[in-house]
Amino acid sequence: SCRFISLLLNFNMFGFRFKEKGGFTLFEILIVTALVVVLVLIGFITTANRDKTKEFEATGEKIVALLNQARDRAAARDRSKAWRVVFRRYHPTYCTNFQEPFFELVDGSNNYTPFDIDLPRHYLPASVSFDTTLWSGNNCNLEIVFSQISGALDLSTISGATSSVRIFMTHNPSISSTISVTSLGLVSYTAPF
């Protein structure tokens, strides 16, 4: 047993000799410090990406919930009107009224009054963007309208646009989700993960 410990202490690896004295060499401390720094960085990057992914998923789920709420309110004839969800984008040339993209539930009256007390506005997180390529022309907004009583999609409001909303992660556009509304008003959501 003593001979094994003596051999272990005199073992020569990469030119470094373990000595019977306590303590570590500067090289050993630097190696351990570098490993700890690498592990902390990996943990930080993983946590940041996980938070962005959760934000992305929560945004998709919130849009689905708002579309379902609009359909349910239209079918229940709440306020005796059709209901819609409005998606607004920001564009430095065309859409300068708002600095941040958002979506909100609005009653179907022709007089659009934003910031209804009962209906909050939902801003997109910085890590999420709307894909506006399917929005007609230079429109600043997309509206998905549900008819009274039936809660079905009001096809007269589509006019060449789409009844789908696509969102993607700003830092990685290949990660995206599409929220679609059928003509019957059913909402489907394709999650990216």
N, C-alpha and C. Protein backbone atom coordinates (compact mmCIF):
# COMPACT_ATOMS: atom_id res chain seq x y z
N SER A 1 0.82 -1.19 0.00
CA SER A 1 0.00 0.00 0.00
C SER A 1 0.86 1.25 0.00
N CYS A 2 1.90 1.29 0.87
CA CYS A 2 2.79 2.46 0.91
C CYS A 2 3.58 2.58 -0.37
N ARG A 3 3.93 1.42 -0.95
CA ARG A 3 4.70 1.45 -2.19
C ARG A 3 3.85 2.02 -3.33
N PHE A 4 2.54 1.70 -3.37
CA PHE A 4 1.63 2.22 -4.40
C PHE A 4 1.51 3.73 -4.30
N ILE A 5 1.35 4.25 -3.07
CA ILE A 5 1.26 5.69 -2.88
C ILE A 5 2.55 6.36 -3.29
N SER A 6 3.66 5.75 -2.98
CA SER A 6 4.96 6.31 -3.37
C SER A 6 5.07 6.35 -4.88
N LEU A 7 4.63 5.28 -5.58
CA LEU A 7 4.65 5.27 -7.05
C LEU A 7 3.72 6.33 -7.63
N LEU A 8 2.54 6.46 -7.03
CA LEU A 8 1.57 7.44 -7.51
C LEU A 8 2.09 8.86 -7.36
N LEU A 9 2.74 9.15 -6.25
CA LEU A 9 3.26 10.50 -6.02
C LEU A 9 4.45 10.82 -6.91
N ASN A 10 5.16 9.82 -7.35
CA ASN A 10 6.32 10.05 -8.21
C ASN A 10 5.98 9.86 -9.68
N PHE A 11 4.69 9.64 -10.03
CA PHE A 11 4.27 9.43 -11.40
C PHE A 11 4.52 10.69 -12.22
N ASN A 12 5.11 10.53 -13.38
CA ASN A 12 5.47 11.66 -14.22
C ASN A 12 4.55 11.67 -15.44
N MET A 13 3.65 12.67 -15.52
CA MET A 13 2.73 12.80 -16.64
C MET A 13 2.95 14.15 -17.29
N PHE A 14 3.26 14.17 -18.54
CA PHE A 14 3.51 15.41 -19.30
C PHE A 14 4.59 16.26 -18.63
N GLY A 15 5.52 15.65 -18.02
CA GLY A 15 6.62 16.42 -17.42
C GLY A 15 6.30 17.01 -16.08
N PHE A 16 5.13 16.73 -15.54
CA PHE A 16 4.77 17.26 -14.22
C PHE A 16 4.87 16.12 -13.23
N ARG A 17 5.46 16.39 -12.13
CA ARG A 17 5.66 15.38 -11.11
C ARG A 17 4.86 15.76 -9.88
N PHE A 18 4.03 14.80 -9.43
CA PHE A 18 3.32 15.01 -8.19
C PHE A 18 4.32 14.92 -7.04
N LYS A 19 4.24 15.83 -6.18
CA LYS A 19 5.16 15.84 -5.05
C LYS A 19 4.39 15.57 -3.78
N GLU A 20 5.11 15.21 -2.79
CA GLU A 20 4.48 14.90 -1.52
C GLU A 20 4.00 16.15 -0.81
N LYS A 21 4.48 17.31 -1.25
CA LYS A 21 4.02 18.56 -0.65
C LYS A 21 2.58 18.81 -1.08
N GLY A 22 1.82 19.48 -0.22
CA GLY A 22 0.45 19.84 -0.59
C GLY A 22 0.45 21.03 -1.53
N GLY A 23 -0.69 21.26 -2.21
CA GLY A 23 -0.83 22.43 -3.06
C GLY A 23 -0.85 22.04 -4.53
N PHE A 24 -1.19 23.03 -5.36
CA PHE A 24 -1.32 22.82 -6.79
C PHE A 24 -0.37 23.75 -7.52
N THR A 25 0.03 23.33 -8.71
CA THR A 25 0.88 24.20 -9.52
C THR A 25 0.00 25.24 -10.21
N LEU A 26 0.62 26.28 -10.68
CA LEU A 26 -0.10 27.33 -11.39
C LEU A 26 -0.78 26.76 -12.63
N PHE A 27 -0.11 25.86 -13.33
CA PHE A 27 -0.68 25.25 -14.52
C PHE A 27 -1.97 24.49 -14.19
N GLU A 28 -1.98 23.73 -13.12
CA GLU A 28 -3.16 22.98 -12.71
C GLU A 28 -4.33 23.92 -12.38
N ILE A 29 -4.05 25.00 -11.70
CA ILE A 29 -5.10 25.97 -11.36
C ILE A 29 -5.66 26.62 -12.62
N LEU A 30 -4.80 26.95 -13.57
CA LEU A 30 -5.26 27.56 -14.82
C LEU A 30 -6.14 26.59 -15.62
N ILE A 31 -5.76 25.32 -15.67
CA ILE A 31 -6.56 24.33 -16.39
C ILE A 31 -7.94 24.19 -15.76
N VAL A 32 -8.00 24.08 -14.45
CA VAL A 32 -9.29 23.94 -13.77
C VAL A 32 -10.14 25.20 -13.96
N THR A 33 -9.53 26.37 -13.88
CA THR A 33 -10.26 27.63 -14.08
C THR A 33 -10.82 27.70 -15.50
N ALA A 34 -10.03 27.31 -16.49
CA ALA A 34 -10.49 27.33 -17.88
C ALA A 34 -11.68 26.37 -18.06
N LEU A 35 -11.61 25.21 -17.46
CA LEU A 35 -12.73 24.26 -17.57
C LEU A 35 -13.99 24.81 -16.92
N VAL A 36 -13.86 25.44 -15.78
CA VAL A 36 -15.02 26.02 -15.10
C VAL A 36 -15.63 27.13 -15.95
N VAL A 37 -14.80 27.98 -16.55
CA VAL A 37 -15.29 29.07 -17.41
C VAL A 37 -16.05 28.50 -18.61
N VAL A 38 -15.52 27.47 -19.23
CA VAL A 38 -16.19 26.86 -20.39
C VAL A 38 -17.54 26.28 -19.97
N LEU A 39 -17.59 25.59 -18.85
CA LEU A 39 -18.86 25.02 -18.38
C LEU A 39 -19.89 26.10 -18.04
N VAL A 40 -19.46 27.20 -17.44
CA VAL A 40 -20.37 28.30 -17.13
C VAL A 40 -20.91 28.93 -18.41
N LEU A 41 -20.05 29.13 -19.41
CA LEU A 41 -20.50 29.69 -20.69
C LEU A 41 -21.52 28.78 -21.38
N ILE A 42 -21.25 27.50 -21.37
CA ILE A 42 -22.20 26.55 -21.97
C ILE A 42 -23.54 26.62 -21.25
N GLY A 43 -23.50 26.67 -19.93
CA GLY A 43 -24.74 26.78 -19.15
C GLY A 43 -25.49 28.07 -19.44
N PHE A 44 -24.77 29.17 -19.56
CA PHE A 44 -25.39 30.46 -19.84
C PHE A 44 -26.05 30.47 -21.22
N ILE A 45 -25.35 29.97 -22.23
CA ILE A 45 -25.90 29.95 -23.59
C ILE A 45 -27.13 29.04 -23.66
N THR A 46 -27.05 27.90 -23.01
CA THR A 46 -28.18 26.97 -23.00
C THR A 46 -29.40 27.60 -22.32
N THR A 47 -29.19 28.27 -21.21
CA THR A 47 -30.29 28.92 -20.50
C THR A 47 -30.91 30.03 -21.33
N ALA A 48 -30.07 30.84 -21.98
CA ALA A 48 -30.58 31.94 -22.81
C ALA A 48 -31.43 31.40 -23.96
N ASN A 49 -30.94 30.34 -24.62
CA ASN A 49 -31.71 29.76 -25.73
C ASN A 49 -33.01 29.14 -25.25
N ARG A 50 -32.98 28.51 -24.08
CA ARG A 50 -34.19 27.90 -23.54
C ARG A 50 -35.22 28.98 -23.21
N ASP A 51 -34.78 30.12 -22.68
CA ASP A 51 -35.70 31.21 -22.38
C ASP A 51 -36.33 31.76 -23.65
N LYS A 52 -35.55 31.92 -24.72
CA LYS A 52 -36.09 32.41 -25.98
C LYS A 52 -37.09 31.40 -26.56
N THR A 53 -36.78 30.13 -26.43
CA THR A 53 -37.69 29.10 -26.93
C THR A 53 -39.00 29.12 -26.16
N LYS A 54 -38.93 29.30 -24.85
CA LYS A 54 -40.16 29.38 -24.04
C LYS A 54 -40.97 30.61 -24.41
N GLU A 55 -40.30 31.74 -24.64
CA GLU A 55 -40.99 32.96 -25.08
C GLU A 55 -41.70 32.72 -26.41
N PHE A 56 -41.02 32.05 -27.32
CA PHE A 56 -41.58 31.76 -28.63
C PHE A 56 -42.83 30.89 -28.51
N GLU A 57 -42.72 29.81 -27.74
CA GLU A 57 -43.86 28.91 -27.56
C GLU A 57 -45.03 29.62 -26.86
N ALA A 58 -44.71 30.45 -25.86
CA ALA A 58 -45.76 31.18 -25.14
C ALA A 58 -46.47 32.17 -26.06
N THR A 59 -45.74 32.80 -26.97
CA THR A 59 -46.35 33.73 -27.92
C THR A 59 -47.32 32.98 -28.84
N GLY A 60 -46.90 31.84 -29.37
CA GLY A 60 -47.78 31.04 -30.22
C GLY A 60 -49.04 30.61 -29.49
N GLU A 61 -48.87 30.18 -28.25
CA GLU A 61 -50.03 29.75 -27.47
C GLU A 61 -50.96 30.92 -27.14
N LYS A 62 -50.38 32.10 -26.93
CA LYS A 62 -51.20 33.28 -26.64
C LYS A 62 -52.01 33.70 -27.87
N ILE A 63 -51.41 33.60 -29.06
CA ILE A 63 -52.13 33.92 -30.29
C ILE A 63 -53.29 32.94 -30.48
N VAL A 64 -53.02 31.65 -30.27
CA VAL A 64 -54.08 30.64 -30.39
C VAL A 64 -55.22 30.94 -29.41
N ALA A 65 -54.87 31.26 -28.17
CA ALA A 65 -55.88 31.56 -27.15
C ALA A 65 -56.71 32.78 -27.55
N LEU A 66 -56.06 33.80 -28.10
CA LEU A 66 -56.79 35.01 -28.50
C LEU A 66 -57.72 34.73 -29.69
N LEU A 67 -57.25 33.93 -30.65
CA LEU A 67 -58.10 33.56 -31.78
C LEU A 67 -59.31 32.75 -31.31
N ASN A 68 -59.09 31.83 -30.40
CA ASN A 68 -60.21 31.05 -29.85
C ASN A 68 -61.18 31.94 -29.07
N GLN A 69 -60.63 32.90 -28.34
CA GLN A 69 -61.49 33.82 -27.59
C GLN A 69 -62.32 34.68 -28.55
N ALA A 70 -61.72 35.14 -29.64
CA ALA A 70 -62.46 35.93 -30.63
C ALA A 70 -63.59 35.10 -31.24
N ARG A 71 -63.30 33.86 -31.59
CA ARG A 71 -64.32 32.97 -32.15
C ARG A 71 -65.46 32.75 -31.15
N ASP A 72 -65.09 32.48 -29.90
CA ASP A 72 -66.10 32.22 -28.87
C ASP A 72 -66.97 33.46 -28.61
N ARG A 73 -66.35 34.64 -28.59
CA ARG A 73 -67.12 35.87 -28.36
C ARG A 73 -68.04 36.17 -29.54
N ALA A 74 -67.57 35.90 -30.75
CA ALA A 74 -68.42 36.12 -31.92
C ALA A 74 -69.60 35.17 -31.90
N ALA A 75 -69.34 33.90 -31.58
CA ALA A 75 -70.42 32.92 -31.53
C ALA A 75 -71.43 33.24 -30.43
N ALA A 76 -70.96 33.82 -29.34
CA ALA A 76 -71.86 34.18 -28.23
C ALA A 76 -72.53 35.53 -28.44
N ARG A 77 -72.20 36.19 -29.55
CA ARG A 77 -72.73 37.52 -29.88
C ARG A 77 -72.41 38.53 -28.79
N ASP A 78 -71.24 38.42 -28.22
CA ASP A 78 -70.78 39.37 -27.21
C ASP A 78 -70.71 40.76 -27.85
N ARG A 79 -71.33 41.73 -27.21
CA ARG A 79 -71.44 43.11 -27.72
C ARG A 79 -72.20 43.18 -29.04
N SER A 80 -72.87 42.11 -29.41
CA SER A 80 -73.66 42.03 -30.65
C SER A 80 -72.82 42.37 -31.88
N LYS A 81 -71.60 41.89 -31.90
CA LYS A 81 -70.70 42.20 -33.02
C LYS A 81 -69.87 40.98 -33.37
N ALA A 82 -69.30 41.05 -34.56
CA ALA A 82 -68.28 40.07 -34.92
C ALA A 82 -67.02 40.42 -34.13
N TRP A 83 -66.12 39.48 -33.99
CA TRP A 83 -64.87 39.73 -33.27
C TRP A 83 -63.70 39.39 -34.15
N ARG A 84 -62.58 40.04 -33.91
CA ARG A 84 -61.39 39.82 -34.72
C ARG A 84 -60.13 39.93 -33.88
N VAL A 85 -59.08 39.36 -34.40
CA VAL A 85 -57.75 39.54 -33.83
C VAL A 85 -56.95 40.32 -34.86
N VAL A 86 -56.35 41.40 -34.42
CA VAL A 86 -55.57 42.28 -35.29
C VAL A 86 -54.09 42.05 -34.99
N PHE A 87 -53.32 41.82 -36.05
CA PHE A 87 -51.87 41.66 -35.94
C PHE A 87 -51.25 42.86 -36.63
N ARG A 88 -50.43 43.60 -35.93
CA ARG A 88 -49.80 44.79 -36.52
C ARG A 88 -48.29 44.63 -36.54
N ARG A 89 -47.72 45.09 -37.63
CA ARG A 89 -46.26 45.04 -37.76
C ARG A 89 -45.69 46.45 -37.77
N TYR A 90 -44.41 46.54 -37.62
CA TYR A 90 -43.72 47.82 -37.76
C TYR A 90 -42.87 47.76 -39.01
N HIS A 91 -42.94 48.81 -39.80
CA HIS A 91 -42.08 48.95 -40.97
C HIS A 91 -41.67 50.42 -41.03
N PRO A 92 -40.39 50.72 -41.18
CA PRO A 92 -39.93 52.12 -41.12
C PRO A 92 -40.51 53.03 -42.20
N THR A 93 -40.99 52.45 -43.31
CA THR A 93 -41.55 53.26 -44.38
C THR A 93 -43.07 53.28 -44.37
N TYR A 94 -43.68 52.10 -44.25
CA TYR A 94 -45.13 51.99 -44.41
C TYR A 94 -45.90 52.07 -43.10
N CYS A 95 -45.39 51.47 -42.09
CA CYS A 95 -46.14 51.30 -40.84
C CYS A 95 -45.42 51.99 -39.69
N THR A 96 -45.53 53.28 -39.63
CA THR A 96 -44.77 54.02 -38.63
C THR A 96 -45.62 54.42 -37.42
N ASN A 97 -46.91 54.07 -37.41
CA ASN A 97 -47.76 54.45 -36.28
C ASN A 97 -47.35 53.76 -35.00
N PHE A 98 -46.81 52.56 -35.13
CA PHE A 98 -46.43 51.78 -33.97
C PHE A 98 -44.98 51.38 -34.10
N GLN A 99 -44.24 51.44 -33.01
CA GLN A 99 -42.83 51.11 -33.04
C GLN A 99 -42.56 49.63 -32.79
N GLU A 100 -43.52 48.93 -32.24
CA GLU A 100 -43.33 47.52 -31.93
C GLU A 100 -44.49 46.71 -32.50
N PRO A 101 -44.21 45.52 -33.02
CA PRO A 101 -45.31 44.67 -33.50
C PRO A 101 -46.12 44.12 -32.33
N PHE A 102 -47.42 43.97 -32.56
CA PHE A 102 -48.29 43.48 -31.50
C PHE A 102 -49.50 42.79 -32.11
N PHE A 103 -50.30 42.18 -31.26
CA PHE A 103 -51.59 41.60 -31.66
C PHE A 103 -52.57 41.85 -30.53
N GLU A 104 -53.85 41.97 -30.91
CA GLU A 104 -54.87 42.25 -29.90
C GLU A 104 -56.23 41.78 -30.37
N LEU A 105 -57.09 41.52 -29.41
CA LEU A 105 -58.47 41.15 -29.65
C LEU A 105 -59.29 42.42 -29.73
N VAL A 106 -60.14 42.51 -30.77
CA VAL A 106 -60.92 43.73 -30.99
C VAL A 106 -62.33 43.31 -31.35
N ASP A 107 -63.32 44.09 -30.88
CA ASP A 107 -64.68 43.79 -31.33
C ASP A 107 -64.79 44.22 -32.79
N GLY A 108 -65.77 43.68 -33.47
CA GLY A 108 -65.85 43.84 -34.92
C GLY A 108 -66.42 45.14 -35.43
N SER A 109 -66.51 46.15 -34.59
CA SER A 109 -67.06 47.41 -35.08
C SER A 109 -66.14 48.02 -36.12
N ASN A 110 -66.72 48.78 -37.02
CA ASN A 110 -65.91 49.41 -38.07
C ASN A 110 -65.01 50.49 -37.52
N ASN A 111 -65.39 51.07 -36.41
CA ASN A 111 -64.56 52.12 -35.80
C ASN A 111 -63.55 51.45 -34.88
N TYR A 112 -62.38 51.27 -35.41
CA TYR A 112 -61.32 50.58 -34.67
C TYR A 112 -60.79 51.51 -33.58
N THR A 113 -60.98 51.11 -32.35
CA THR A 113 -60.46 51.90 -31.24
C THR A 113 -59.49 51.04 -30.46
N PRO A 114 -58.20 51.29 -30.61
CA PRO A 114 -57.22 50.48 -29.90
C PRO A 114 -57.28 50.74 -28.40
N PHE A 115 -56.69 49.85 -27.67
CA PHE A 115 -56.59 49.94 -26.23
C PHE A 115 -57.94 49.93 -25.53
N ASP A 116 -58.80 49.02 -25.93
CA ASP A 116 -60.03 48.78 -25.18
C ASP A 116 -59.60 48.34 -23.78
N ILE A 117 -60.23 48.88 -22.77
CA ILE A 117 -59.84 48.60 -21.39
C ILE A 117 -59.90 47.10 -21.09
N ASP A 118 -60.92 46.43 -21.63
CA ASP A 118 -61.10 45.01 -21.36
C ASP A 118 -60.16 44.13 -22.17
N LEU A 119 -59.60 44.67 -23.23
CA LEU A 119 -58.85 43.86 -24.17
C LEU A 119 -57.41 44.37 -24.28
N PRO A 120 -56.50 43.74 -23.59
CA PRO A 120 -55.12 44.23 -23.60
C PRO A 120 -54.41 43.97 -24.93
N ARG A 121 -53.42 44.78 -25.20
CA ARG A 121 -52.58 44.64 -26.37
C ARG A 121 -51.39 43.76 -25.98
N HIS A 122 -51.02 42.83 -26.87
CA HIS A 122 -49.92 41.91 -26.60
C HIS A 122 -48.77 42.22 -27.56
N TYR A 123 -47.67 42.71 -27.02
CA TYR A 123 -46.50 43.03 -27.84
C TYR A 123 -45.66 41.78 -28.04
N LEU A 124 -45.08 41.66 -29.23
CA LEU A 124 -44.20 40.52 -29.49
C LEU A 124 -42.90 40.72 -28.72
N PRO A 125 -42.38 39.66 -28.13
CA PRO A 125 -41.05 39.76 -27.52
C PRO A 125 -40.01 40.01 -28.61
N ALA A 126 -38.88 40.55 -28.25
CA ALA A 126 -37.83 40.86 -29.23
C ALA A 126 -37.33 39.61 -29.94
N SER A 127 -37.49 38.46 -29.33
CA SER A 127 -36.99 37.22 -29.93
C SER A 127 -37.98 36.60 -30.92
N VAL A 128 -39.16 37.23 -31.11
CA VAL A 128 -40.19 36.67 -31.99
C VAL A 128 -40.61 37.74 -33.01
N SER A 129 -40.83 37.30 -34.26
CA SER A 129 -41.27 38.22 -35.32
C SER A 129 -42.41 37.61 -36.11
N PHE A 130 -43.22 38.48 -36.71
CA PHE A 130 -44.25 38.03 -37.65
C PHE A 130 -43.61 37.82 -39.00
N ASP A 131 -44.05 36.79 -39.72
CA ASP A 131 -43.69 36.63 -41.12
C ASP A 131 -44.80 37.33 -41.91
N THR A 132 -44.48 38.47 -42.48
CA THR A 132 -45.49 39.29 -43.16
C THR A 132 -45.50 39.07 -44.67
N THR A 133 -44.80 38.06 -45.15
CA THR A 133 -44.74 37.83 -46.60
C THR A 133 -46.10 37.47 -47.18
N LEU A 134 -46.99 36.90 -46.40
CA LEU A 134 -48.32 36.53 -46.89
C LEU A 134 -49.36 37.62 -46.68
N TRP A 135 -48.98 38.69 -45.98
CA TRP A 135 -49.91 39.79 -45.77
C TRP A 135 -50.04 40.54 -47.10
N SER A 136 -51.23 40.98 -47.43
CA SER A 136 -51.42 41.60 -48.73
C SER A 136 -50.75 42.97 -48.81
N GLY A 137 -49.94 43.13 -49.86
CA GLY A 137 -49.29 44.41 -50.17
C GLY A 137 -48.48 44.97 -49.02
N ASN A 138 -48.61 46.26 -48.84
CA ASN A 138 -47.88 46.95 -47.78
C ASN A 138 -48.75 47.14 -46.54
N ASN A 139 -49.71 46.26 -46.37
CA ASN A 139 -50.58 46.38 -45.20
C ASN A 139 -49.76 46.33 -43.92
N CYS A 140 -50.15 47.17 -43.02
CA CYS A 140 -49.49 47.20 -41.72
C CYS A 140 -50.10 46.19 -40.77
N ASN A 141 -51.25 45.67 -41.16
CA ASN A 141 -51.90 44.74 -40.25
C ASN A 141 -52.58 43.61 -41.00
N LEU A 142 -52.82 42.55 -40.24
CA LEU A 142 -53.59 41.41 -40.70
C LEU A 142 -54.72 41.25 -39.71
N GLU A 143 -55.93 41.11 -40.22
CA GLU A 143 -57.08 40.92 -39.34
C GLU A 143 -57.73 39.59 -39.65
N ILE A 144 -57.99 38.83 -38.62
CA ILE A 144 -58.73 37.59 -38.76
C ILE A 144 -60.05 37.80 -38.03
N VAL A 145 -61.15 37.80 -38.81
CA VAL A 145 -62.47 38.17 -38.30
C VAL A 145 -63.36 36.93 -38.23
N PHE A 146 -64.09 36.83 -37.13
CA PHE A 146 -65.03 35.73 -36.91
C PHE A 146 -66.45 36.28 -36.96
N SER A 147 -67.34 35.57 -37.66
CA SER A 147 -68.73 35.99 -37.83
C SER A 147 -69.54 35.76 -36.56
N GLN A 148 -70.58 36.59 -36.42
CA GLN A 148 -71.50 36.41 -35.30
C GLN A 148 -72.23 35.08 -35.42
N ILE A 149 -72.69 34.61 -34.33
CA ILE A 149 -73.51 33.40 -34.17
C ILE A 149 -72.74 32.12 -34.53
N SER A 150 -72.20 32.03 -35.75
CA SER A 150 -71.53 30.79 -36.16
C SER A 150 -70.10 30.71 -35.60
N GLY A 151 -69.45 31.84 -35.43
CA GLY A 151 -68.05 31.83 -35.01
C GLY A 151 -67.12 31.40 -36.13
N ALA A 152 -67.67 31.27 -37.34
CA ALA A 152 -66.85 30.86 -38.49
C ALA A 152 -66.00 32.04 -38.96
N LEU A 153 -65.00 31.72 -39.73
CA LEU A 153 -64.14 32.74 -40.29
C LEU A 153 -64.94 33.58 -41.27
N ASP A 154 -64.85 34.89 -41.16
CA ASP A 154 -65.56 35.79 -42.07
C ASP A 154 -64.71 35.91 -43.34
N LEU A 155 -65.07 35.13 -44.35
CA LEU A 155 -64.27 35.07 -45.57
C LEU A 155 -64.29 36.36 -46.37
N SER A 156 -65.29 37.21 -46.15
CA SER A 156 -65.35 38.47 -46.89
C SER A 156 -64.24 39.42 -46.46
N THR A 157 -63.63 39.16 -45.32
CA THR A 157 -62.56 40.06 -44.84
C THR A 157 -61.18 39.60 -45.26
N ILE A 158 -61.08 38.42 -45.87
CA ILE A 158 -59.76 37.88 -46.22
C ILE A 158 -59.18 38.61 -47.42
N SER A 159 -59.93 38.83 -48.45
CA SER A 159 -59.57 39.59 -49.65
C SER A 159 -58.12 39.38 -50.09
N GLY A 160 -57.80 38.18 -50.48
CA GLY A 160 -56.48 37.90 -51.04
C GLY A 160 -55.39 37.74 -49.99
N ALA A 161 -55.70 37.99 -48.76
CA ALA A 161 -54.69 37.83 -47.72
C ALA A 161 -54.70 36.38 -47.25
N THR A 162 -54.48 36.18 -46.01
CA THR A 162 -54.41 34.83 -45.48
C THR A 162 -55.16 34.73 -44.17
N SER A 163 -55.54 33.53 -43.83
CA SER A 163 -56.15 33.30 -42.52
C SER A 163 -55.16 32.58 -41.62
N SER A 164 -53.89 32.76 -41.91
CA SER A 164 -52.82 32.15 -41.12
C SER A 164 -51.86 33.23 -40.64
N VAL A 165 -51.28 32.97 -39.50
CA VAL A 165 -50.25 33.84 -38.96
C VAL A 165 -49.01 32.98 -38.75
N ARG A 166 -47.91 33.42 -39.29
CA ARG A 166 -46.66 32.68 -39.10
C ARG A 166 -45.74 33.55 -38.25
N ILE A 167 -45.19 32.93 -37.21
CA ILE A 167 -44.21 33.62 -36.38
C ILE A 167 -42.90 32.84 -36.47
N PHE A 168 -41.80 33.55 -36.28
CA PHE A 168 -40.50 32.87 -36.29
C PHE A 168 -39.59 33.51 -35.25
N MET A 169 -38.54 32.76 -34.90
CA MET A 169 -37.58 33.28 -33.93
C MET A 169 -36.66 34.25 -34.66
N THR A 170 -36.52 35.44 -34.12
CA THR A 170 -35.76 36.50 -34.78
C THR A 170 -34.32 36.09 -35.03
N HIS A 171 -33.68 35.45 -34.08
CA HIS A 171 -32.27 35.08 -34.23
C HIS A 171 -32.07 33.81 -35.06
N ASN A 172 -33.16 33.07 -35.33
CA ASN A 172 -33.07 31.86 -36.13
C ASN A 172 -34.38 31.66 -36.89
N PRO A 173 -34.53 32.32 -38.05
CA PRO A 173 -35.80 32.27 -38.80
C PRO A 173 -36.23 30.87 -39.24
N SER A 174 -35.33 29.90 -39.20
CA SER A 174 -35.72 28.55 -39.59
C SER A 174 -36.64 27.91 -38.55
N ILE A 175 -36.66 28.47 -37.35
CA ILE A 175 -37.58 27.98 -36.31
C ILE A 175 -38.84 28.83 -36.39
N SER A 176 -39.93 28.21 -36.81
CA SER A 176 -41.16 28.97 -36.99
C SER A 176 -42.38 28.13 -36.62
N SER A 177 -43.50 28.81 -36.47
CA SER A 177 -44.78 28.16 -36.21
C SER A 177 -45.85 28.85 -37.04
N THR A 178 -46.82 28.08 -37.46
CA THR A 178 -47.94 28.64 -38.21
C THR A 178 -49.22 28.38 -37.44
N ILE A 179 -50.00 29.44 -37.26
CA ILE A 179 -51.30 29.35 -36.62
C ILE A 179 -52.32 29.61 -37.72
N SER A 180 -53.17 28.64 -37.99
CA SER A 180 -54.13 28.74 -39.09
C SER A 180 -55.55 28.69 -38.55
N VAL A 181 -56.45 29.35 -39.28
CA VAL A 181 -57.87 29.31 -38.94
C VAL A 181 -58.61 28.75 -40.15
N THR A 182 -59.39 27.70 -39.93
CA THR A 182 -60.17 27.12 -41.02
C THR A 182 -61.41 27.97 -41.28
N SER A 183 -62.10 27.68 -42.36
CA SER A 183 -63.31 28.45 -42.68
C SER A 183 -64.39 28.28 -41.61
N LEU A 184 -64.34 27.19 -40.85
CA LEU A 184 -65.31 26.96 -39.77
C LEU A 184 -64.91 27.67 -38.48
N GLY A 185 -63.73 28.30 -38.47
CA GLY A 185 -63.28 29.03 -37.29
C GLY A 185 -62.43 28.20 -36.35
N LEU A 186 -62.05 27.00 -36.77
CA LEU A 186 -61.20 26.17 -35.93
C LEU A 186 -59.74 26.60 -36.06
N VAL A 187 -59.07 26.70 -34.94
CA VAL A 187 -57.69 27.19 -34.91
C VAL A 187 -56.75 26.01 -34.76
N SER A 188 -55.75 25.96 -35.61
CA SER A 188 -54.72 24.91 -35.51
C SER A 188 -53.36 25.58 -35.36
N TYR A 189 -52.49 24.90 -34.66
CA TYR A 189 -51.19 25.47 -34.31
C TYR A 189 -50.14 24.40 -34.53
N THR A 190 -49.17 24.68 -35.38
CA THR A 190 -48.06 23.75 -35.57
C THR A 190 -46.87 24.26 -34.79
N ALA A 191 -46.56 23.56 -33.73
CA ALA A 191 -45.43 23.94 -32.89
C ALA A 191 -44.13 23.47 -33.54
N PRO A 192 -43.06 24.23 -33.36
CA PRO A 192 -41.81 23.88 -34.03
C PRO A 192 -41.05 22.75 -33.35
N PHE A 193 -41.39 22.43 -32.12
CA PHE A 193 -40.59 21.45 -31.37
C PHE A 193 -41.39 20.22 -31.04
